[in-house]
Amino acid sequence: MNLVNLITICSFVAVVLIGVMVLTVQDMRNHQPHARIRTRMQQSFTAQVVRAKEGGKRDIDLFKVSKKDNLASRWFGPKLVRLKTVAGARGMKIVVGAALAGELVALIMTHFMPLPDFAIPLLILGLPVLALVQAYRFLVERFRKRFLDGFPDVIDLIVRAVRAGVPVTQVIGSAASECPEPLRTEFKLMSDSLQVGLDLEEVLAVAVRRIEIADFSFFCVCLLLQRETGGQLGETLENLAGIVRTRREIRMKTKALTGEARITTKILAAIPVVIMLSMYFANHDYLMVLFDTQAGHKLLTFAVISIVMGVVVISKMSKLDTSR
């Protein structure tokens, strides 16, 4: 066997192994609880979305102009719509500002830190992307927390109105004027869509795709099931309000249980800074060796990398996923 055949066989085996690994990771992600919930919610509204596309030829997002579809639009389009939902017009400014701040920090680090040549382009390109992703996640988590804080009270308002004999389509408009942000904006969009003649099923399908919160998806499923099968909607929504409150209590309890680890992470990250500031005022010349010599620069670089890696590992270990 010559060298060409050996390289060909090794390349083929490597491609097969990479493909198997990608499929395995994708299968594991699809079986995660949040992925299963998202799949069930999408399946619940499949019929309504298909009927909406066949009947009115409207885009699933009622507030987005349809353009020529390509790979970039399929990837960035939902992200931009999600960003507009969770942060409004300021969302893009916040994300872009975070990316620019990350780029500035990367340039400062590459100028003052003795990094290897291969790490400089990775840092310049990777740190802005990391800052952008973290800003996006922060906005999404803030929106989810604010939405879930007031959502049980909105369900209670709808329950009282339904028991008084008010139709659900009118209750949604009334709730839009009574609930706080961001619930007010989302229910106002739903109410406006219903007033222009759109069907409740299509409006709920669009809202589920726009908000992407499991508790709100449960609410929409309850409304659709009651519309198709009948039954006591007030009792069903009252039980749902209790479930939403219980889930919120579980999230708060989880945050309290992980509070010690989170505080420990902040203290460990602050200790080196406090020690260096103390040494700066106590013995300035002793500390400046780290900043004035090549060996000191290397020590500072290794220290910063070690602290960042340690903080990330501790944060991952102490964080419990309560988003679903």
C-alpha atoms as a PDB file:
ATOM      1  CA  MET A   1       0.000   0.000   0.000  1.00  0.00           C
ATOM      2  CA  ASN A   2       1.489   3.277  -1.120  1.00  0.00           C
ATOM      3  CA  LEU A   3       1.298   6.611   0.689  1.00  0.00           C
ATOM      4  CA  VAL A   4      -1.564   7.983  -1.482  1.00  0.00           C
ATOM      5  CA  ASN A   5      -3.857   5.047  -0.699  1.00  0.00           C
ATOM      6  CA  LEU A   6      -3.004   5.263   2.984  1.00  0.00           C
ATOM      7  CA  ILE A   7      -3.831   8.982   3.111  1.00  0.00           C
ATOM      8  CA  THR A   8      -7.104   8.359   1.217  1.00  0.00           C
ATOM      9  CA  ILE A   9      -8.188   5.605   3.599  1.00  0.00           C
ATOM     10  CA  CYS A  10      -7.294   7.684   6.664  1.00  0.00           C
ATOM     11  CA  SER A  11      -9.186  10.694   5.278  1.00  0.00           C
ATOM     12  CA  PHE A  12     -12.267   8.569   4.596  1.00  0.00           C
ATOM     13  CA  VAL A  13     -12.192   7.080   8.104  1.00  0.00           C
ATOM     14  CA  ALA A  14     -11.734  10.532   9.642  1.00  0.00           C
ATOM     15  CA  VAL A  15     -14.715  11.930   7.689  1.00  0.00           C
ATOM     16  CA  VAL A  16     -16.894   8.985   8.760  1.00  0.00           C
ATOM     17  CA  LEU A  17     -15.891   9.401  12.402  1.00  0.00           C
ATOM     18  CA  ILE A  18     -16.555  13.150  12.310  1.00  0.00           C
ATOM     19  CA  GLY A  19     -19.966  12.521  10.743  1.00  0.00           C
ATOM     20  CA  VAL A  20     -20.852   9.951  13.406  1.00  0.00           C
ATOM     21  CA  MET A  21     -19.756  12.350  16.151  1.00  0.00           C
ATOM     22  CA  VAL A  22     -21.834  15.198  14.684  1.00  0.00           C
ATOM     23  CA  LEU A  23     -24.918  12.966  14.402  1.00  0.00           C
ATOM     24  CA  THR A  24     -24.425  11.715  17.963  1.00  0.00           C
ATOM     25  CA  VAL A  25     -24.099  15.224  19.384  1.00  0.00           C
ATOM     26  CA  GLN A  26     -27.160  16.364  17.407  1.00  0.00           C
ATOM     27  CA  ASP A  27     -29.181  13.408  18.672  1.00  0.00           C
ATOM     28  CA  MET A  28     -28.146  14.149  22.252  1.00  0.00           C
ATOM     29  CA  ARG A  29     -29.193  17.787  21.849  1.00  0.00           C
ATOM     30  CA  ASN A  30     -32.559  16.763  20.395  1.00  0.00           C
ATOM     31  CA  HIS A  31     -33.233  14.581  23.431  1.00  0.00           C
ATOM     32  CA  GLN A  32     -32.554  17.352  25.936  1.00  0.00           C
ATOM     33  CA  PRO A  33     -35.654  18.442  27.916  1.00  0.00           C
ATOM     34  CA  HIS A  34     -35.795  21.948  26.446  1.00  0.00           C
ATOM     35  CA  ALA A  35     -35.449  20.526  22.903  1.00  0.00           C
ATOM     36  CA  ARG A  36     -38.296  18.064  23.502  1.00  0.00           C
ATOM     37  CA  ILE A  37     -40.509  20.849  24.859  1.00  0.00           C
ATOM     38  CA  ARG A  38     -39.758  23.033  21.835  1.00  0.00           C
ATOM     39  CA  THR A  39     -40.538  20.148  19.472  1.00  0.00           C
ATOM     40  CA  ARG A  40     -43.858  19.400  21.168  1.00  0.00           C
ATOM     41  CA  MET A  41     -44.850  23.048  21.053  1.00  0.00           C
ATOM     42  CA  GLN A  42     -44.033  23.290  17.359  1.00  0.00           C
ATOM     43  CA  GLN A  43     -45.949  20.096  16.593  1.00  0.00           C
ATOM     44  CA  SER A  44     -48.962  21.460  18.457  1.00  0.00           C
ATOM     45  CA  PHE A  45     -49.193  24.342  16.004  1.00  0.00           C
ATOM     46  CA  THR A  46     -48.118  22.564  12.804  1.00  0.00           C
ATOM     47  CA  ALA A  47     -51.613  22.253  11.413  1.00  0.00           C
ATOM     48  CA  GLN A  48     -52.425  25.898  12.073  1.00  0.00           C
ATOM     49  CA  VAL A  49     -49.200  27.134  10.501  1.00  0.00           C
ATOM     50  CA  VAL A  50     -49.707  24.987   7.391  1.00  0.00           C
ATOM     51  CA  ARG A  51     -53.277  26.176   6.998  1.00  0.00           C
ATOM     52  CA  ALA A  52     -52.160  29.806   7.374  1.00  0.00           C
ATOM     53  CA  LYS A  53     -49.528  29.409   4.688  1.00  0.00           C
ATOM     54  CA  GLU A  54     -51.905  27.655   2.287  1.00  0.00           C
ATOM     55  CA  GLY A  55     -54.775  30.091   2.853  1.00  0.00           C
ATOM     56  CA  GLY A  56     -53.337  33.565   3.166  1.00  0.00           C
ATOM     57  CA  LYS A  57     -49.801  32.942   1.927  1.00  0.00           C
ATOM     58  CA  ARG A  58     -48.545  34.911   4.924  1.00  0.00           C
ATOM     59  CA  ASP A  59     -45.183  34.568   6.568  1.00  0.00           C
ATOM     60  CA  ILE A  60     -45.142  32.895   9.994  1.00  0.00           C
ATOM     61  CA  ASP A  61     -43.888  36.161  11.454  1.00  0.00           C
ATOM     62  CA  LEU A  62     -46.682  38.659  10.877  1.00  0.00           C
ATOM     63  CA  PHE A  63     -44.405  41.618  11.479  1.00  0.00           C
ATOM     64  CA  LYS A  64     -41.563  40.762   9.105  1.00  0.00           C
ATOM     65  CA  VAL A  65     -41.317  41.568   5.415  1.00  0.00           C
ATOM     66  CA  SER A  66     -40.666  38.443   3.334  1.00  0.00           C
ATOM     67  CA  LYS A  67     -37.407  38.616   1.385  1.00  0.00           C
ATOM     68  CA  LYS A  68     -35.413  36.221  -0.722  1.00  0.00           C
ATOM     69  CA  ASP A  69     -34.574  33.305   1.503  1.00  0.00           C
ATOM     70  CA  ASN A  70     -30.970  32.154   1.790  1.00  0.00           C
ATOM     71  CA  LEU A  71     -28.656  30.558   4.319  1.00  0.00           C
ATOM     72  CA  ALA A  72     -27.832  33.833   6.058  1.00  0.00           C
ATOM     73  CA  SER A  73     -31.469  34.913   6.349  1.00  0.00           C
ATOM     74  CA  ARG A  74     -32.532  31.509   7.678  1.00  0.00           C
ATOM     75  CA  TRP A  75     -29.853  31.719  10.375  1.00  0.00           C
ATOM     76  CA  PHE A  76     -29.876  35.407  11.311  1.00  0.00           C
ATOM     77  CA  GLY A  77     -33.522  36.176  10.567  1.00  0.00           C
ATOM     78  CA  PRO A  78     -35.029  34.381  13.597  1.00  0.00           C
ATOM     79  CA  LYS A  79     -32.251  35.751  15.809  1.00  0.00           C
ATOM     80  CA  LEU A  80     -32.978  39.333  14.763  1.00  0.00           C
ATOM     81  CA  VAL A  81     -36.707  38.853  15.261  1.00  0.00           C
ATOM     82  CA  ARG A  82     -36.045  37.303  18.669  1.00  0.00           C
ATOM     83  CA  LEU A  83     -33.752  40.200  19.584  1.00  0.00           C
ATOM     84  CA  LYS A  84     -36.427  42.711  18.613  1.00  0.00           C
ATOM     85  CA  THR A  85     -38.957  40.814  20.720  1.00  0.00           C
ATOM     86  CA  VAL A  86     -36.865  40.639  23.881  1.00  0.00           C
ATOM     87  CA  ALA A  87     -35.317  44.129  23.757  1.00  0.00           C
ATOM     88  CA  GLY A  88     -37.195  46.208  21.200  1.00  0.00           C
ATOM     89  CA  ALA A  89     -35.341  48.784  19.129  1.00  0.00           C
ATOM     90  CA  ARG A  90     -32.546  49.046  21.706  1.00  0.00           C
ATOM     91  CA  GLY A  91     -31.615  45.375  21.401  1.00  0.00           C
ATOM     92  CA  MET A  92     -29.477  45.826  18.298  1.00  0.00           C
ATOM     93  CA  LYS A  93     -27.672  48.805  19.854  1.00  0.00           C
ATOM     94  CA  ILE A  94     -26.912  46.844  23.022  1.00  0.00           C
ATOM     95  CA  VAL A  95     -25.585  43.835  21.133  1.00  0.00           C
ATOM     96  CA  VAL A  96     -23.469  45.938  18.768  1.00  0.00           C
ATOM     97  CA  GLY A  97     -22.137  47.958  21.720  1.00  0.00           C
ATOM     98  CA  ALA A  98     -21.144  44.760  23.508  1.00  0.00           C
ATOM     99  CA  ALA A  99     -19.350  43.530  20.384  1.00  0.00           C
ATOM    100  CA  LEU A 100     -17.466  46.840  20.030  1.00  0.00           C
ATOM    101  CA  ALA A 101     -16.505  46.732  23.714  1.00  0.00           C
ATOM    102  CA  GLY A 102     -15.242  43.193  23.249  1.00  0.00           C
ATOM    103  CA  GLU A 103     -13.193  44.265  20.245  1.00  0.00           C
ATOM    104  CA  LEU A 104     -11.696  47.148  22.233  1.00  0.00           C
ATOM    105  CA  VAL A 105     -10.743  44.827  25.094  1.00  0.00           C
ATOM    106  CA  ALA A 106      -9.229  42.384  22.604  1.00  0.00           C
ATOM    107  CA  LEU A 107      -7.088  45.121  21.035  1.00  0.00           C
ATOM    108  CA  ILE A 108      -5.895  46.256  24.472  1.00  0.00           C
ATOM    109  CA  MET A 109      -5.050  42.677  25.443  1.00  0.00           C
ATOM    110  CA  THR A 110      -3.114  42.015  22.248  1.00  0.00           C
ATOM    111  CA  HIS A 111      -1.176  45.258  22.716  1.00  0.00           C
ATOM    112  CA  PHE A 112      -0.137  44.781  26.350  1.00  0.00           C
ATOM    113  CA  MET A 113      -0.125  40.992  26.823  1.00  0.00           C
ATOM    114  CA  PRO A 114       2.684  38.779  25.428  1.00  0.00           C
ATOM    115  CA  LEU A 115       0.422  36.428  23.504  1.00  0.00           C
ATOM    116  CA  PRO A 116       1.625  33.878  20.901  1.00  0.00           C
ATOM    117  CA  ASP A 117       1.087  34.751  17.258  1.00  0.00           C
ATOM    118  CA  PHE A 118      -1.718  32.230  16.674  1.00  0.00           C
ATOM    119  CA  ALA A 119      -3.727  33.564  19.644  1.00  0.00           C
ATOM    120  CA  ILE A 120      -3.865  37.176  18.449  1.00  0.00           C
ATOM    121  CA  PRO A 121      -6.314  36.698  15.504  1.00  0.00           C
ATOM    122  CA  LEU A 122      -8.374  34.255  17.589  1.00  0.00           C
ATOM    123  CA  LEU A 123      -8.675  36.818  20.352  1.00  0.00           C
ATOM    124  CA  ILE A 124      -9.469  39.708  17.996  1.00  0.00           C
ATOM    125  CA  LEU A 125     -12.181  37.712  16.203  1.00  0.00           C
ATOM    126  CA  GLY A 126     -13.435  35.562  19.058  1.00  0.00           C
ATOM    127  CA  LEU A 127     -13.832  38.042  21.908  1.00  0.00           C
ATOM    128  CA  PRO A 128     -16.313  40.340  20.064  1.00  0.00           C
ATOM    129  CA  VAL A 129     -18.356  37.298  19.041  1.00  0.00           C
ATOM    130  CA  LEU A 130     -18.323  36.034  22.635  1.00  0.00           C
ATOM    131  CA  ALA A 131     -19.411  39.446  23.937  1.00  0.00           C
ATOM    132  CA  LEU A 132     -22.190  39.594  21.330  1.00  0.00           C
ATOM    133  CA  VAL A 133     -23.485  36.125  22.262  1.00  0.00           C
ATOM    134  CA  GLN A 134     -23.375  36.878  25.981  1.00  0.00           C
ATOM    135  CA  ALA A 135     -25.250  40.168  25.477  1.00  0.00           C
ATOM    136  CA  TYR A 136     -27.886  38.344  23.420  1.00  0.00           C
ATOM    137  CA  ARG A 137     -28.288  35.685  26.107  1.00  0.00           C
ATOM    138  CA  PHE A 138     -28.522  38.345  28.811  1.00  0.00           C
ATOM    139  CA  LEU A 139     -31.347  40.113  26.970  1.00  0.00           C
ATOM    140  CA  VAL A 140     -33.204  36.846  26.409  1.00  0.00           C
ATOM    141  CA  GLU A 141     -32.886  35.806  30.057  1.00  0.00           C
ATOM    142  CA  ARG A 142     -34.004  39.246  31.247  1.00  0.00           C
ATOM    143  CA  PHE A 143     -37.042  39.106  28.984  1.00  0.00           C
ATOM    144  CA  ARG A 144     -37.908  35.583  30.196  1.00  0.00           C
ATOM    145  CA  LYS A 145     -37.639  36.595  33.849  1.00  0.00           C
ATOM    146  CA  ARG A 146     -39.757  39.742  33.453  1.00  0.00           C
ATOM    147  CA  PHE A 147     -42.335  37.863  31.393  1.00  0.00           C
ATOM    148  CA  LEU A 148     -42.697  34.999  33.875  1.00  0.00           C
ATOM    149  CA  ASP A 149     -42.893  37.332  36.874  1.00  0.00           C
ATOM    150  CA  GLY A 150     -46.180  38.821  35.662  1.00  0.00           C
ATOM    151  CA  PHE A 151     -47.584  35.960  33.601  1.00  0.00           C
ATOM    152  CA  PRO A 152     -49.495  34.185  36.448  1.00  0.00           C
ATOM    153  CA  ASP A 153     -51.318  37.414  37.302  1.00  0.00           C
ATOM    154  CA  VAL A 154     -52.348  37.823  33.663  1.00  0.00           C
ATOM    155  CA  ILE A 155     -53.720  34.273  33.646  1.00  0.00           C
ATOM    156  CA  ASP A 156     -55.729  35.054  36.782  1.00  0.00           C
ATOM    157  CA  LEU A 157     -57.156  38.146  35.059  1.00  0.00           C
ATOM    158  CA  ILE A 158     -58.154  36.047  32.041  1.00  0.00           C
ATOM    159  CA  VAL A 159     -59.722  33.411  34.319  1.00  0.00           C
ATOM    160  CA  ARG A 160     -61.915  35.987  36.059  1.00  0.00           C
ATOM    161  CA  ALA A 161     -63.000  37.516  32.751  1.00  0.00           C
ATOM    162  CA  VAL A 162     -63.786  34.122  31.184  1.00  0.00           C
ATOM    163  CA  ARG A 163     -65.875  33.077  34.177  1.00  0.00           C
ATOM    164  CA  ALA A 164     -67.781  36.346  33.824  1.00  0.00           C
ATOM    165  CA  GLY A 165     -68.675  35.372  30.254  1.00  0.00           C
ATOM    166  CA  VAL A 166     -66.223  37.544  28.287  1.00  0.00           C
ATOM    167  CA  PRO A 167     -64.804  35.887  25.113  1.00  0.00           C
ATOM    168  CA  VAL A 168     -61.120  35.056  25.084  1.00  0.00           C
ATOM    169  CA  THR A 169     -60.437  37.279  22.069  1.00  0.00           C
ATOM    170  CA  GLN A 170     -61.698  40.310  23.979  1.00  0.00           C
ATOM    171  CA  VAL A 171     -59.928  39.297  27.190  1.00  0.00           C
ATOM    172  CA  ILE A 172     -56.563  39.354  25.406  1.00  0.00           C
ATOM    173  CA  GLY A 173     -57.125  42.996  24.467  1.00  0.00           C
ATOM    174  CA  SER A 174     -58.165  43.873  28.020  1.00  0.00           C
ATOM    175  CA  ALA A 175     -55.136  42.112  29.469  1.00  0.00           C
ATOM    176  CA  ALA A 176     -52.872  44.173  27.209  1.00  0.00           C
ATOM    177  CA  SER A 177     -53.929  47.349  28.995  1.00  0.00           C
ATOM    178  CA  GLU A 178     -53.639  45.911  32.512  1.00  0.00           C
ATOM    179  CA  CYS A 179     -50.407  43.921  32.546  1.00  0.00           C
ATOM    180  CA  PRO A 180     -46.852  45.341  32.830  1.00  0.00           C
ATOM    181  CA  GLU A 181     -44.089  45.174  30.244  1.00  0.00           C
ATOM    182  CA  PRO A 182     -43.101  43.039  28.374  1.00  0.00           C
ATOM    183  CA  LEU A 183     -46.476  41.290  28.663  1.00  0.00           C
ATOM    184  CA  ARG A 184     -48.261  44.453  27.575  1.00  0.00           C
ATOM    185  CA  THR A 185     -46.433  44.627  24.259  1.00  0.00           C
ATOM    186  CA  GLU A 186     -46.893  40.954  23.432  1.00  0.00           C
ATOM    187  CA  PHE A 187     -50.603  40.873  24.289  1.00  0.00           C
ATOM    188  CA  LYS A 188     -51.086  44.155  22.424  1.00  0.00           C
ATOM    189  CA  LEU A 189     -49.632  42.547  19.291  1.00  0.00           C
ATOM    190  CA  MET A 190     -51.958  39.587  19.727  1.00  0.00           C
ATOM    191  CA  SER A 191     -54.957  41.872  20.267  1.00  0.00           C
ATOM    192  CA  ASP A 192     -54.129  43.975  17.188  1.00  0.00           C
ATOM    193  CA  SER A 193     -53.785  40.821  15.087  1.00  0.00           C
ATOM    194  CA  LEU A 194     -57.190  39.592  16.232  1.00  0.00           C
ATOM    195  CA  GLN A 195     -58.790  42.963  15.524  1.00  0.00           C
ATOM    196  CA  VAL A 196     -57.602  42.964  11.898  1.00  0.00           C
ATOM    197  CA  GLY A 197     -59.367  39.650  11.351  1.00  0.00           C
ATOM    198  CA  LEU A 198     -56.723  36.997  11.881  1.00  0.00           C
ATOM    199  CA  ASP A 199     -57.758  33.684  13.368  1.00  0.00           C
ATOM    200  CA  LEU A 200     -56.941  32.947  17.017  1.00  0.00           C
ATOM    201  CA  GLU A 201     -55.048  29.787  16.101  1.00  0.00           C
ATOM    202  CA  GLU A 202     -52.730  31.616  13.726  1.00  0.00           C
ATOM    203  CA  VAL A 203     -52.171  34.459  16.206  1.00  0.00           C
ATOM    204  CA  LEU A 204     -51.236  31.993  18.953  1.00  0.00           C
ATOM    205  CA  ALA A 205     -48.937  30.092  16.598  1.00  0.00           C
ATOM    206  CA  VAL A 206     -47.067  33.302  15.736  1.00  0.00           C
ATOM    207  CA  ALA A 207     -46.916  34.316  19.416  1.00  0.00           C
ATOM    208  CA  VAL A 208     -45.409  30.968  20.419  1.00  0.00           C
ATOM    209  CA  ARG A 209     -42.703  31.307  17.777  1.00  0.00           C
ATOM    210  CA  ARG A 210     -42.029  34.919  18.767  1.00  0.00           C
ATOM    211  CA  ILE A 211     -41.929  34.543  22.579  1.00  0.00           C
ATOM    212  CA  GLU A 212     -40.423  31.019  22.891  1.00  0.00           C
ATOM    213  CA  ILE A 213     -41.288  30.456  26.551  1.00  0.00           C
ATOM    214  CA  ALA A 214     -42.624  27.056  27.617  1.00  0.00           C
ATOM    215  CA  ASP A 215     -45.134  28.465  30.116  1.00  0.00           C
ATOM    216  CA  PHE A 216     -46.709  30.696  27.471  1.00  0.00           C
ATOM    217  CA  SER A 217     -46.794  27.736  25.082  1.00  0.00           C
ATOM    218  CA  PHE A 218     -48.780  25.772  27.686  1.00  0.00           C
ATOM    219  CA  PHE A 219     -51.226  28.685  27.861  1.00  0.00           C
ATOM    220  CA  CYS A 220     -51.689  28.695  24.073  1.00  0.00           C
ATOM    221  CA  VAL A 221     -52.194  24.924  23.993  1.00  0.00           C
ATOM    222  CA  CYS A 222     -54.893  25.235  26.674  1.00  0.00           C
ATOM    223  CA  LEU A 223     -56.736  27.837  24.605  1.00  0.00           C
ATOM    224  CA  LEU A 224     -56.576  25.728  21.442  1.00  0.00           C
ATOM    225  CA  LEU A 225     -57.659  22.528  23.181  1.00  0.00           C
ATOM    226  CA  GLN A 226     -60.589  24.271  24.829  1.00  0.00           C
ATOM    227  CA  ARG A 227     -61.628  25.748  21.488  1.00  0.00           C
ATOM    228  CA  GLU A 228     -61.547  22.337  19.773  1.00  0.00           C
ATOM    229  CA  THR A 229     -62.884  20.069  22.536  1.00  0.00           C
ATOM    230  CA  GLY A 230     -64.765  22.432  24.877  1.00  0.00           C
ATOM    231  CA  GLY A 231     -64.702  22.240  28.671  1.00  0.00           C
ATOM    232  CA  GLN A 232     -64.162  24.588  31.578  1.00  0.00           C
ATOM    233  CA  LEU A 233     -61.518  27.019  30.365  1.00  0.00           C
ATOM    234  CA  GLY A 234     -61.512  28.943  33.653  1.00  0.00           C
ATOM    235  CA  GLU A 235     -60.644  25.866  35.709  1.00  0.00           C
ATOM    236  CA  THR A 236     -57.971  24.800  33.229  1.00  0.00           C
ATOM    237  CA  LEU A 237     -56.296  28.210  33.216  1.00  0.00           C
ATOM    238  CA  GLU A 238     -56.501  28.401  37.004  1.00  0.00           C
ATOM    239  CA  ASN A 239     -54.595  25.115  37.247  1.00  0.00           C
ATOM    240  CA  LEU A 240     -52.101  26.424  34.705  1.00  0.00           C
ATOM    241  CA  ALA A 241     -51.559  29.563  36.802  1.00  0.00           C
ATOM    242  CA  GLY A 242     -50.740  27.347  39.776  1.00  0.00           C
ATOM    243  CA  ILE A 243     -48.267  25.351  37.691  1.00  0.00           C
ATOM    244  CA  VAL A 244     -46.574  28.531  36.442  1.00  0.00           C
ATOM    245  CA  ARG A 245     -46.236  29.833  39.999  1.00  0.00           C
ATOM    246  CA  THR A 246     -44.815  26.492  41.140  1.00  0.00           C
ATOM    247  CA  ARG A 247     -42.241  26.556  38.356  1.00  0.00           C
ATOM    248  CA  ARG A 248     -41.301  30.105  39.335  1.00  0.00           C
ATOM    249  CA  GLU A 249     -40.848  29.033  42.958  1.00  0.00           C
ATOM    250  CA  ILE A 250     -38.616  26.168  41.825  1.00  0.00           C
ATOM    251  CA  ARG A 251     -36.457  28.588  39.839  1.00  0.00           C
ATOM    252  CA  MET A 252     -36.164  30.914  42.828  1.00  0.00           C
ATOM    253  CA  LYS A 253     -35.287  28.001  45.120  1.00  0.00           C
ATOM    254  CA  THR A 254     -32.655  26.844  42.631  1.00  0.00           C
ATOM    255  CA  LYS A 255     -31.157  30.334  42.568  1.00  0.00           C
ATOM    256  CA  ALA A 256     -31.047  30.382  46.365  1.00  0.00           C
ATOM    257  CA  LEU A 257     -29.386  26.955  46.556  1.00  0.00           C
ATOM    258  CA  THR A 258     -26.675  27.992  44.089  1.00  0.00           C
ATOM    259  CA  GLY A 259     -26.141  31.400  45.725  1.00  0.00           C
ATOM    260  CA  GLU A 260     -23.166  30.239  47.785  1.00  0.00           C
ATOM    261  CA  ALA A 261     -21.318  28.933  44.744  1.00  0.00           C
ATOM    262  CA  ARG A 262     -22.015  32.103  42.773  1.00  0.00           C
ATOM    263  CA  ILE A 263     -20.773  34.314  45.605  1.00  0.00           C
ATOM    264  CA  THR A 264     -17.683  32.130  45.963  1.00  0.00           C
ATOM    265  CA  THR A 265     -16.943  32.594  42.265  1.00  0.00           C
ATOM    266  CA  LYS A 266     -17.145  36.381  42.577  1.00  0.00           C
ATOM    267  CA  ILE A 267     -14.928  36.394  45.661  1.00  0.00           C
ATOM    268  CA  LEU A 268     -12.286  34.200  44.028  1.00  0.00           C
ATOM    269  CA  ALA A 269     -12.275  36.464  40.974  1.00  0.00           C
ATOM    270  CA  ALA A 270     -11.963  39.599  43.113  1.00  0.00           C
ATOM    271  CA  ILE A 271      -9.155  38.354  45.412  1.00  0.00           C
ATOM    272  CA  PRO A 272      -6.276  38.777  42.870  1.00  0.00           C
ATOM    273  CA  VAL A 273      -7.450  42.296  41.985  1.00  0.00           C
ATOM    274  CA  VAL A 274      -7.681  43.318  45.647  1.00  0.00           C
ATOM    275  CA  ILE A 275      -4.248  41.871  46.406  1.00  0.00           C
ATOM    276  CA  MET A 276      -2.635  43.673  43.454  1.00  0.00           C
ATOM    277  CA  LEU A 277      -4.235  46.987  44.436  1.00  0.00           C
ATOM    278  CA  SER A 278      -3.032  46.516  48.006  1.00  0.00           C
ATOM    279  CA  MET A 279       0.495  45.742  46.818  1.00  0.00           C
ATOM    280  CA  TYR A 280       0.400  48.782  44.513  1.00  0.00           C
ATOM    281  CA  PHE A 281      -0.149  51.128  47.465  1.00  0.00           C
ATOM    282  CA  ALA A 282       1.985  49.178  49.960  1.00  0.00           C
ATOM    283  CA  ASN A 283       5.055  48.471  47.803  1.00  0.00           C
ATOM    284  CA  HIS A 284       4.839  50.041  44.356  1.00  0.00           C
ATOM    285  CA  ASP A 285       8.281  48.988  43.117  1.00  0.00           C
ATOM    286  CA  TYR A 286       7.731  45.376  44.164  1.00  0.00           C
ATOM    287  CA  LEU A 287       4.563  45.093  42.084  1.00  0.00           C
ATOM    288  CA  MET A 288       5.814  46.956  39.011  1.00  0.00           C
ATOM    289  CA  VAL A 289       8.204  44.100  38.256  1.00  0.00           C
ATOM    290  CA  LEU A 290       5.180  42.310  36.770  1.00  0.00           C
ATOM    291  CA  PHE A 291       4.483  45.213  34.408  1.00  0.00           C
ATOM    292  CA  ASP A 292       8.023  46.285  33.508  1.00  0.00           C
ATOM    293  CA  THR A 293       9.658  42.946  32.653  1.00  0.00           C
ATOM    294  CA  GLN A 294       8.995  40.302  30.013  1.00  0.00           C
ATOM    295  CA  ALA A 295       8.792  37.560  32.608  1.00  0.00           C
ATOM    296  CA  GLY A 296       6.230  39.599  34.560  1.00  0.00           C
ATOM    297  CA  HIS A 297       4.115  39.979  31.436  1.00  0.00           C
ATOM    298  CA  LYS A 298       4.084  36.217  30.958  1.00  0.00           C
ATOM    299  CA  LEU A 299       3.116  35.645  34.569  1.00  0.00           C
ATOM    300  CA  LEU A 300       0.262  38.128  34.287  1.00  0.00           C
ATOM    301  CA  THR A 301      -0.942  36.486  31.070  1.00  0.00           C
ATOM    302  CA  PHE A 302      -0.942  33.018  32.622  1.00  0.00           C
ATOM    303  CA  ALA A 303      -2.671  34.392  35.726  1.00  0.00           C
ATOM    304  CA  VAL A 304      -5.440  36.053  33.729  1.00  0.00           C
ATOM    305  CA  ILE A 305      -6.017  32.945  31.613  1.00  0.00           C
ATOM    306  CA  SER A 306      -6.080  30.707  34.693  1.00  0.00           C
ATOM    307  CA  ILE A 307      -8.517  32.955  36.552  1.00  0.00           C
ATOM    308  CA  VAL A 308     -10.859  33.210  33.569  1.00  0.00           C
ATOM    309  CA  MET A 309     -10.847  29.444  33.020  1.00  0.00           C
ATOM    310  CA  GLY A 310     -11.427  28.808  36.723  1.00  0.00           C
ATOM    311  CA  VAL A 311     -14.332  31.262  36.893  1.00  0.00           C
ATOM    312  CA  VAL A 312     -15.934  29.706  33.804  1.00  0.00           C
ATOM    313  CA  VAL A 313     -15.611  26.159  35.179  1.00  0.00           C
ATOM    314  CA  ILE A 314     -17.004  27.105  38.603  1.00  0.00           C
ATOM    315  CA  SER A 315     -19.869  29.020  36.986  1.00  0.00           C
ATOM    316  CA  LYS A 316     -20.809  26.040  34.839  1.00  0.00           C
ATOM    317  CA  MET A 317     -20.663  23.692  37.825  1.00  0.00           C
ATOM    318  CA  SER A 318     -22.834  25.932  39.998  1.00  0.00           C
ATOM    319  CA  LYS A 319     -25.394  26.820  37.339  1.00  0.00           C
ATOM    320  CA  LEU A 320     -28.596  24.810  36.973  1.00  0.00           C
ATOM    321  CA  ASP A 321     -30.664  25.118  33.812  1.00  0.00           C
ATOM    322  CA  THR A 322     -34.069  26.485  34.823  1.00  0.00           C
ATOM    323  CA  SER A 323     -34.957  28.193  31.511  1.00  0.00           C
ATOM    324  CA  ARG A 324     -37.403  25.478  30.559  1.00  0.00           C
END
